[in-house]
Every structure is written in structure tokens, then in C-alpha cells.
Amino acid sequence: SIPLVSSAAEFRLGEQTSITQNERITDDLYLLGGNVTSAGSVVGDVLTGGGTIVISGAVTGDVTAAGGSITILSNITDDVRASGGSIVIQGSVGGDIIAGGGQVTIGGGGVGAGSVRIDAPIKASVNIGGGSVYLNAPIAGNITVEADTLTLGSQAVINGTLSYKASKILTKEDGATVTGTVTFVERQKKSA
């Protein structure tokens, strides 16, 4: 079948809002609804809000998402900004990640080619993988990080354990605290 192509900003809303796998949007995409699915490719930004959001099609711009449950399975060329009850990012992200939610999981191959920054309080445990990770908010649970660098900002208050694998020991700004144990494993440099 021939993929459907749209070349202007695309707006869709409803209880079950989606773009299908064979659709290709060549501008910004706005999706609002109870259940939102973006399976097609988007050459532009995706801005979405809903109860349940699933993005499984490639996006060559930014993704901005707010919802109860947000799952990003595909590769995102630029930044991801997400706020929700549960956030899972499994595809690669070429820019920055800003995520705040009840439970945030960032993993998968190549995530964090840019940086991961968390500035919103998280009331659960967090798993993060990225190039540089900056945590600057209260986090109620345990944190596991794999990154080149890890920085705890002045507003970071970690009420659990911090386990991290990085190229060097973390940077801790004045005011940052960790109430649990801290475990550091040095990340091995890849040989050419």
C-alpha cells in the first residue's frame, strides 16, 4: 500500500486518537485524546496529551508529552519532554530528555546521546541511561544510573540508594543529599 503523506501541521483529537504505521506526517503533529497512538513516522515535532500515550513511530523533531502513562518505543532525533504518572523511554534519543513523573524508566539502546535532566520530583524509583545525567529534584525511591557523567544538583534529595556506573565519580553540588548507600562502578572506556 502507498503511505499516506501530510505536509502541513496535523491536528487530531478524540477518545482514540492515532496515526497508523503507514502514515507519514511531514510537519508538526498534535495529538490529544484518552488513548493516543503515534505509529507512523513524523518529520517534525510531536505534541501530545492523553490518558495513555504510545509513540512507536520515528520522530525527527522533539516529543512533548503529558499524560497518565507515556511510552516511547521509537527513536527520537531531538529532545523529549515528558510529564506523567508513568514514563517509559526505550528508543534512542538524539537530544536532551526532561522527564518528571511518578515512575520514570529511561533505558534501551542509545538512549541519552544528549543528556538526561530531571528537575521534577519523582515519588518512586528511577532507572536512567544517558550521556550526561543531571538530577536536581527530590526522588523518593532508589536510583540506578549508567552514564558518562552524573551530577547531583543543589535540589537533589535522594531518599533511597544510588547505584551508578559512570566514567568518573559523580559531581555533587552544595545542598544535594543521598540518604541511602551510594555504589559507584567505573565505566570501562571502549577500545577503538
C-alpha atoms as a PDB file:
ATOM      1  CA  SER A   1       0.000   0.000   0.000  1.00  0.00           C
ATOM      2  CA  ILE A   2       1.052   3.609  -0.528  1.00  0.00           C
ATOM      3  CA  PRO A   3       1.884   5.543   2.663  1.00  0.00           C
ATOM      4  CA  LEU A   4      -0.381   8.475   3.373  1.00  0.00           C
ATOM      5  CA  VAL A   5       1.542  11.782   3.391  1.00  0.00           C
ATOM      6  CA  SER A   6       0.553  15.041   5.081  1.00  0.00           C
ATOM      7  CA  SER A   7       2.624  18.207   4.579  1.00  0.00           C
ATOM      8  CA  ALA A   8       1.005  20.699   6.986  1.00  0.00           C
ATOM      9  CA  ALA A   9       0.677  20.710  10.754  1.00  0.00           C
ATOM     10  CA  GLU A  10      -1.637  17.845  11.645  1.00  0.00           C
ATOM     11  CA  PHE A  11      -4.195  18.118  14.483  1.00  0.00           C
ATOM     12  CA  ARG A  12      -6.109  15.094  15.763  1.00  0.00           C
ATOM     13  CA  LEU A  13      -8.240  14.671  18.836  1.00  0.00           C
ATOM     14  CA  GLY A  14     -10.753  12.203  20.208  1.00  0.00           C
ATOM     15  CA  GLU A  15     -11.098   9.326  22.630  1.00  0.00           C
ATOM     16  CA  GLN A  16      -8.967   7.003  20.407  1.00  0.00           C
ATOM     17  CA  THR A  17      -6.523   9.282  18.561  1.00  0.00           C
ATOM     18  CA  SER A  18      -3.859   7.774  16.326  1.00  0.00           C
ATOM     19  CA  ILE A  19      -1.684   7.846  13.252  1.00  0.00           C
ATOM     20  CA  THR A  20      -1.161   4.459  11.672  1.00  0.00           C
ATOM     21  CA  GLN A  21       2.091   2.740  10.799  1.00  0.00           C
ATOM     22  CA  ASN A  22       1.781   3.617   7.074  1.00  0.00           C
ATOM     23  CA  GLU A  23       1.176   7.326   7.661  1.00  0.00           C
ATOM     24  CA  ARG A  24       3.992   9.845   7.251  1.00  0.00           C
ATOM     25  CA  ILE A  25       3.489  13.353   8.622  1.00  0.00           C
ATOM     26  CA  THR A  26       5.912  15.957   7.213  1.00  0.00           C
ATOM     27  CA  ASP A  27       5.237  18.727   9.718  1.00  0.00           C
ATOM     28  CA  ASP A  28       4.346  19.019  13.399  1.00  0.00           C
ATOM     29  CA  LEU A  29       1.775  16.602  14.819  1.00  0.00           C
ATOM     30  CA  TYR A  30      -0.657  17.458  17.623  1.00  0.00           C
ATOM     31  CA  LEU A  31      -2.500  14.513  19.205  1.00  0.00           C
ATOM     32  CA  LEU A  32      -4.983  14.794  22.086  1.00  0.00           C
ATOM     33  CA  GLY A  33      -7.226  12.078  23.459  1.00  0.00           C
ATOM     34  CA  GLY A  34      -7.966   9.400  26.009  1.00  0.00           C
ATOM     35  CA  ASN A  35      -5.758   6.858  24.246  1.00  0.00           C
ATOM     36  CA  VAL A  36      -3.151   8.286  21.860  1.00  0.00           C
ATOM     37  CA  THR A  37      -1.036   6.190  19.474  1.00  0.00           C
ATOM     38  CA  SER A  38       1.594   7.507  17.061  1.00  0.00           C
ATOM     39  CA  ALA A  39       2.846   4.567  14.979  1.00  0.00           C
ATOM     40  CA  GLY A  40       3.671   6.432  11.755  1.00  0.00           C
ATOM     41  CA  SER A  41       6.780   8.483  11.044  1.00  0.00           C
ATOM     42  CA  VAL A  42       6.799  12.202  11.800  1.00  0.00           C
ATOM     43  CA  VAL A  43       9.205  14.635  10.143  1.00  0.00           C
ATOM     44  CA  GLY A  44       8.647  17.385  12.691  1.00  0.00           C
ATOM     45  CA  ASP A  45       7.644  17.662  16.342  1.00  0.00           C
ATOM     46  CA  VAL A  46       5.030  15.599  18.178  1.00  0.00           C
ATOM     47  CA  LEU A  47       2.994  17.355  20.882  1.00  0.00           C
ATOM     48  CA  THR A  48       0.574  15.064  22.668  1.00  0.00           C
ATOM     49  CA  GLY A  49      -1.635  14.795  25.726  1.00  0.00           C
ATOM     50  CA  GLY A  50      -3.833  11.972  26.929  1.00  0.00           C
ATOM     51  CA  GLY A  51      -4.559   9.250  29.427  1.00  0.00           C
ATOM     52  CA  THR A  52      -2.391   6.644  27.697  1.00  0.00           C
ATOM     53  CA  ILE A  53       0.201   7.690  25.105  1.00  0.00           C
ATOM     54  CA  VAL A  54       2.261   5.295  22.980  1.00  0.00           C
ATOM     55  CA  ILE A  55       4.775   6.564  20.422  1.00  0.00           C
ATOM     56  CA  SER A  56       6.208   3.750  18.306  1.00  0.00           C
ATOM     57  CA  GLY A  57       6.947   5.583  15.043  1.00  0.00           C
ATOM     58  CA  ALA A  58      10.175   7.514  14.410  1.00  0.00           C
ATOM     59  CA  VAL A  59      10.147  11.271  15.109  1.00  0.00           C
ATOM     60  CA  THR A  60      12.750  13.586  13.557  1.00  0.00           C
ATOM     61  CA  GLY A  61      11.957  16.508  15.875  1.00  0.00           C
ATOM     62  CA  ASP A  62      11.029  16.930  19.531  1.00  0.00           C
ATOM     63  CA  VAL A  63       8.445  14.971  21.507  1.00  0.00           C
ATOM     64  CA  THR A  64       6.463  16.806  24.180  1.00  0.00           C
ATOM     65  CA  ALA A  65       4.023  14.557  26.049  1.00  0.00           C
ATOM     66  CA  ALA A  66       1.789  14.874  29.115  1.00  0.00           C
ATOM     67  CA  GLY A  67      -0.417  12.058  30.308  1.00  0.00           C
ATOM     68  CA  GLY A  68      -1.179   9.329  32.773  1.00  0.00           C
ATOM     69  CA  SER A  69       1.016   6.735  31.059  1.00  0.00           C
ATOM     70  CA  ILE A  70       3.622   7.650  28.416  1.00  0.00           C
ATOM     71  CA  THR A  71       5.579   5.024  26.474  1.00  0.00           C
ATOM     72  CA  ILE A  72       8.121   5.999  23.808  1.00  0.00           C
ATOM     73  CA  LEU A  73       9.425   2.946  21.955  1.00  0.00           C
ATOM     74  CA  SER A  74      10.839   4.565  18.809  1.00  0.00           C
ATOM     75  CA  ASN A  75      13.880   6.666  18.005  1.00  0.00           C
ATOM     76  CA  ILE A  76      13.561  10.414  18.574  1.00  0.00           C
ATOM     77  CA  THR A  77      16.055  12.603  16.694  1.00  0.00           C
ATOM     78  CA  ASP A  78      15.860  15.608  19.027  1.00  0.00           C
ATOM     79  CA  ASP A  79      14.571  16.278  22.574  1.00  0.00           C
ATOM     80  CA  VAL A  80      11.963  14.508  24.715  1.00  0.00           C
ATOM     81  CA  ARG A  81       9.959  16.383  27.345  1.00  0.00           C
ATOM     82  CA  ALA A  82       7.531  14.184  29.260  1.00  0.00           C
ATOM     83  CA  SER A  83       5.371  14.595  32.343  1.00  0.00           C
ATOM     84  CA  GLY A  84       3.097  11.842  33.599  1.00  0.00           C
ATOM     85  CA  GLY A  85       2.258   9.201  36.129  1.00  0.00           C
ATOM     86  CA  SER A  86       4.382   6.563  34.402  1.00  0.00           C
ATOM     87  CA  ILE A  87       7.022   7.335  31.756  1.00  0.00           C
ATOM     88  CA  VAL A  88       8.999   4.721  29.811  1.00  0.00           C
ATOM     89  CA  ILE A  89      11.522   5.765  27.144  1.00  0.00           C
ATOM     90  CA  GLN A  90      13.082   2.802  25.312  1.00  0.00           C
ATOM     91  CA  GLY A  91      14.174   4.200  21.931  1.00  0.00           C
ATOM     92  CA  SER A  92      17.282   6.255  21.278  1.00  0.00           C
ATOM     93  CA  VAL A  93      17.066   9.994  21.901  1.00  0.00           C
ATOM     94  CA  GLY A  94      19.385  12.299  19.964  1.00  0.00           C
ATOM     95  CA  GLY A  95      18.891  15.353  22.182  1.00  0.00           C
ATOM     96  CA  ASP A  96      18.011  16.034  25.792  1.00  0.00           C
ATOM     97  CA  ILE A  97      15.497  14.210  27.968  1.00  0.00           C
ATOM     98  CA  ILE A  98      13.474  16.109  30.560  1.00  0.00           C
ATOM     99  CA  ALA A  99      11.126  13.757  32.393  1.00  0.00           C
ATOM    100  CA  GLY A 100       9.062  14.072  35.558  1.00  0.00           C
ATOM    101  CA  GLY A 101       6.570  11.558  36.847  1.00  0.00           C
ATOM    102  CA  GLY A 102       5.522   9.045  39.434  1.00  0.00           C
ATOM    103  CA  GLN A 103       7.683   6.341  37.849  1.00  0.00           C
ATOM    104  CA  VAL A 104      10.292   7.155  35.208  1.00  0.00           C
ATOM    105  CA  THR A 105      12.275   4.484  33.340  1.00  0.00           C
ATOM    106  CA  ILE A 106      14.790   5.523  30.720  1.00  0.00           C
ATOM    107  CA  GLY A 107      16.684   2.714  29.030  1.00  0.00           C
ATOM    108  CA  GLY A 108      17.250   0.891  25.807  1.00  0.00           C
ATOM    109  CA  GLY A 109      19.982   1.110  23.221  1.00  0.00           C
ATOM    110  CA  GLY A 110      21.498   4.516  22.689  1.00  0.00           C
ATOM    111  CA  VAL A 111      19.232   6.496  24.989  1.00  0.00           C
ATOM    112  CA  GLY A 112      20.789   9.717  26.125  1.00  0.00           C
ATOM    113  CA  ALA A 113      23.016  10.526  23.172  1.00  0.00           C
ATOM    114  CA  GLY A 114      22.462  14.028  24.528  1.00  0.00           C
ATOM    115  CA  SER A 115      21.712  14.494  28.200  1.00  0.00           C
ATOM    116  CA  VAL A 116      19.114  13.403  30.729  1.00  0.00           C
ATOM    117  CA  ARG A 117      17.901  16.062  33.155  1.00  0.00           C
ATOM    118  CA  ILE A 118      15.328  15.533  35.885  1.00  0.00           C
ATOM    119  CA  ASP A 119      14.017  18.659  37.633  1.00  0.00           C
ATOM    120  CA  ALA A 120      10.590  17.426  38.793  1.00  0.00           C
ATOM    121  CA  PRO A 121      10.033  15.407  41.983  1.00  0.00           C
ATOM    122  CA  ILE A 122       9.728  11.645  41.470  1.00  0.00           C
ATOM    123  CA  LYS A 123       7.853   9.572  44.040  1.00  0.00           C
ATOM    124  CA  ALA A 124       9.264   6.195  43.004  1.00  0.00           C
ATOM    125  CA  SER A 125      12.455   4.529  41.800  1.00  0.00           C
ATOM    126  CA  VAL A 126      14.281   5.657  38.648  1.00  0.00           C
ATOM    127  CA  ASN A 127      16.445   3.817  36.102  1.00  0.00           C
ATOM    128  CA  ILE A 128      18.412   6.085  33.754  1.00  0.00           C
ATOM    129  CA  GLY A 129      20.889   5.567  30.924  1.00  0.00           C
ATOM    130  CA  GLY A 130      22.468   8.504  29.147  1.00  0.00           C
ATOM    131  CA  GLY A 131      25.488  10.504  28.095  1.00  0.00           C
ATOM    132  CA  SER A 132      25.365  13.031  30.919  1.00  0.00           C
ATOM    133  CA  VAL A 133      22.776  12.770  33.686  1.00  0.00           C
ATOM    134  CA  TYR A 134      21.764  15.736  35.871  1.00  0.00           C
ATOM    135  CA  LEU A 135      19.415  15.071  38.790  1.00  0.00           C
ATOM    136  CA  ASN A 136      18.040  18.178  40.505  1.00  0.00           C
ATOM    137  CA  ALA A 137      14.856  17.173  42.326  1.00  0.00           C
ATOM    138  CA  PRO A 138      13.638  15.079  45.265  1.00  0.00           C
ATOM    139  CA  ILE A 139      13.486  11.378  44.402  1.00  0.00           C
ATOM    140  CA  ALA A 140      11.669   9.134  46.881  1.00  0.00           C
ATOM    141  CA  GLY A 141      12.989   5.773  45.681  1.00  0.00           C
ATOM    142  CA  ASN A 142      16.215   4.128  44.600  1.00  0.00           C
ATOM    143  CA  ILE A 143      18.157   5.330  41.568  1.00  0.00           C
ATOM    144  CA  THR A 144      20.196   3.287  39.090  1.00  0.00           C
ATOM    145  CA  VAL A 145      22.225   5.283  36.549  1.00  0.00           C
ATOM    146  CA  GLU A 146      24.547   4.319  33.703  1.00  0.00           C
ATOM    147  CA  ALA A 147      26.127   7.389  32.115  1.00  0.00           C
ATOM    148  CA  ASP A 148      29.347   9.069  31.099  1.00  0.00           C
ATOM    149  CA  THR A 149      28.840  11.673  33.845  1.00  0.00           C
ATOM    150  CA  LEU A 150      26.430  12.079  36.762  1.00  0.00           C
ATOM    151  CA  THR A 151      25.718  15.358  38.549  1.00  0.00           C
ATOM    152  CA  LEU A 152      23.503  15.813  41.599  1.00  0.00           C
ATOM    153  CA  GLY A 153      22.139  19.371  41.527  1.00  0.00           C
ATOM    154  CA  SER A 154      21.605  21.509  44.617  1.00  0.00           C
ATOM    155  CA  GLN A 155      17.905  20.481  44.798  1.00  0.00           C
ATOM    156  CA  ALA A 156      18.596  16.711  44.569  1.00  0.00           C
ATOM    157  CA  VAL A 157      17.368  14.829  47.636  1.00  0.00           C
ATOM    158  CA  ILE A 158      17.560  11.076  47.096  1.00  0.00           C
ATOM    159  CA  ASN A 159      15.720   9.169  49.819  1.00  0.00           C
ATOM    160  CA  GLY A 160      16.912   5.747  48.660  1.00  0.00           C
ATOM    161  CA  THR A 161      20.083   4.183  47.379  1.00  0.00           C
ATOM    162  CA  LEU A 162      22.090   5.488  44.442  1.00  0.00           C
ATOM    163  CA  SER A 163      23.852   2.910  42.258  1.00  0.00           C
ATOM    164  CA  TYR A 164      25.708   4.264  39.277  1.00  0.00           C
ATOM    165  CA  LYS A 165      28.157   3.236  36.591  1.00  0.00           C
ATOM    166  CA  ALA A 166      29.997   6.192  35.065  1.00  0.00           C
ATOM    167  CA  SER A 167      33.318   7.274  33.571  1.00  0.00           C
ATOM    168  CA  LYS A 168      34.171   9.136  36.789  1.00  0.00           C
ATOM    169  CA  ILE A 169      32.885   9.801  40.304  1.00  0.00           C
ATOM    170  CA  LEU A 170      29.742  11.947  40.403  1.00  0.00           C
ATOM    171  CA  THR A 171      29.714  15.710  40.871  1.00  0.00           C
ATOM    172  CA  LYS A 172      27.665  16.773  43.895  1.00  0.00           C
ATOM    173  CA  GLU A 173      26.555  20.420  44.118  1.00  0.00           C
ATOM    174  CA  ASP A 174      26.106  22.092  47.527  1.00  0.00           C
ATOM    175  CA  GLY A 175      22.757  21.063  49.012  1.00  0.00           C
ATOM    176  CA  ALA A 176      22.486  17.672  47.261  1.00  0.00           C
ATOM    177  CA  THR A 177      21.848  14.738  49.620  1.00  0.00           C
ATOM    178  CA  VAL A 178      21.572  10.956  49.421  1.00  0.00           C
ATOM    179  CA  THR A 179      20.127   9.215  52.498  1.00  0.00           C
ATOM    180  CA  GLY A 180      20.896   5.655  51.379  1.00  0.00           C
ATOM    181  CA  THR A 181      24.105   3.990  50.295  1.00  0.00           C
ATOM    182  CA  VAL A 182      25.988   5.117  47.193  1.00  0.00           C
ATOM    183  CA  THR A 183      27.597   2.485  44.967  1.00  0.00           C
ATOM    184  CA  PHE A 184      29.950   3.521  42.148  1.00  0.00           C
ATOM    185  CA  VAL A 185      31.340   1.261  39.397  1.00  0.00           C
ATOM    186  CA  GLU A 186      33.758   2.802  36.909  1.00  0.00           C
ATOM    187  CA  ARG A 187      32.563   2.531  33.317  1.00  0.00           C
ATOM    188  CA  GLN A 188      35.184   0.967  31.069  1.00  0.00           C
ATOM    189  CA  LYS A 189      36.195   3.015  28.053  1.00  0.00           C
ATOM    190  CA  LYS A 190      35.518   1.316  24.742  1.00  0.00           C
ATOM    191  CA  SER A 191      38.660   0.446  22.804  1.00  0.00           C
ATOM    192  CA  ALA A 192      38.882   1.559  19.195  1.00  0.00           C
END
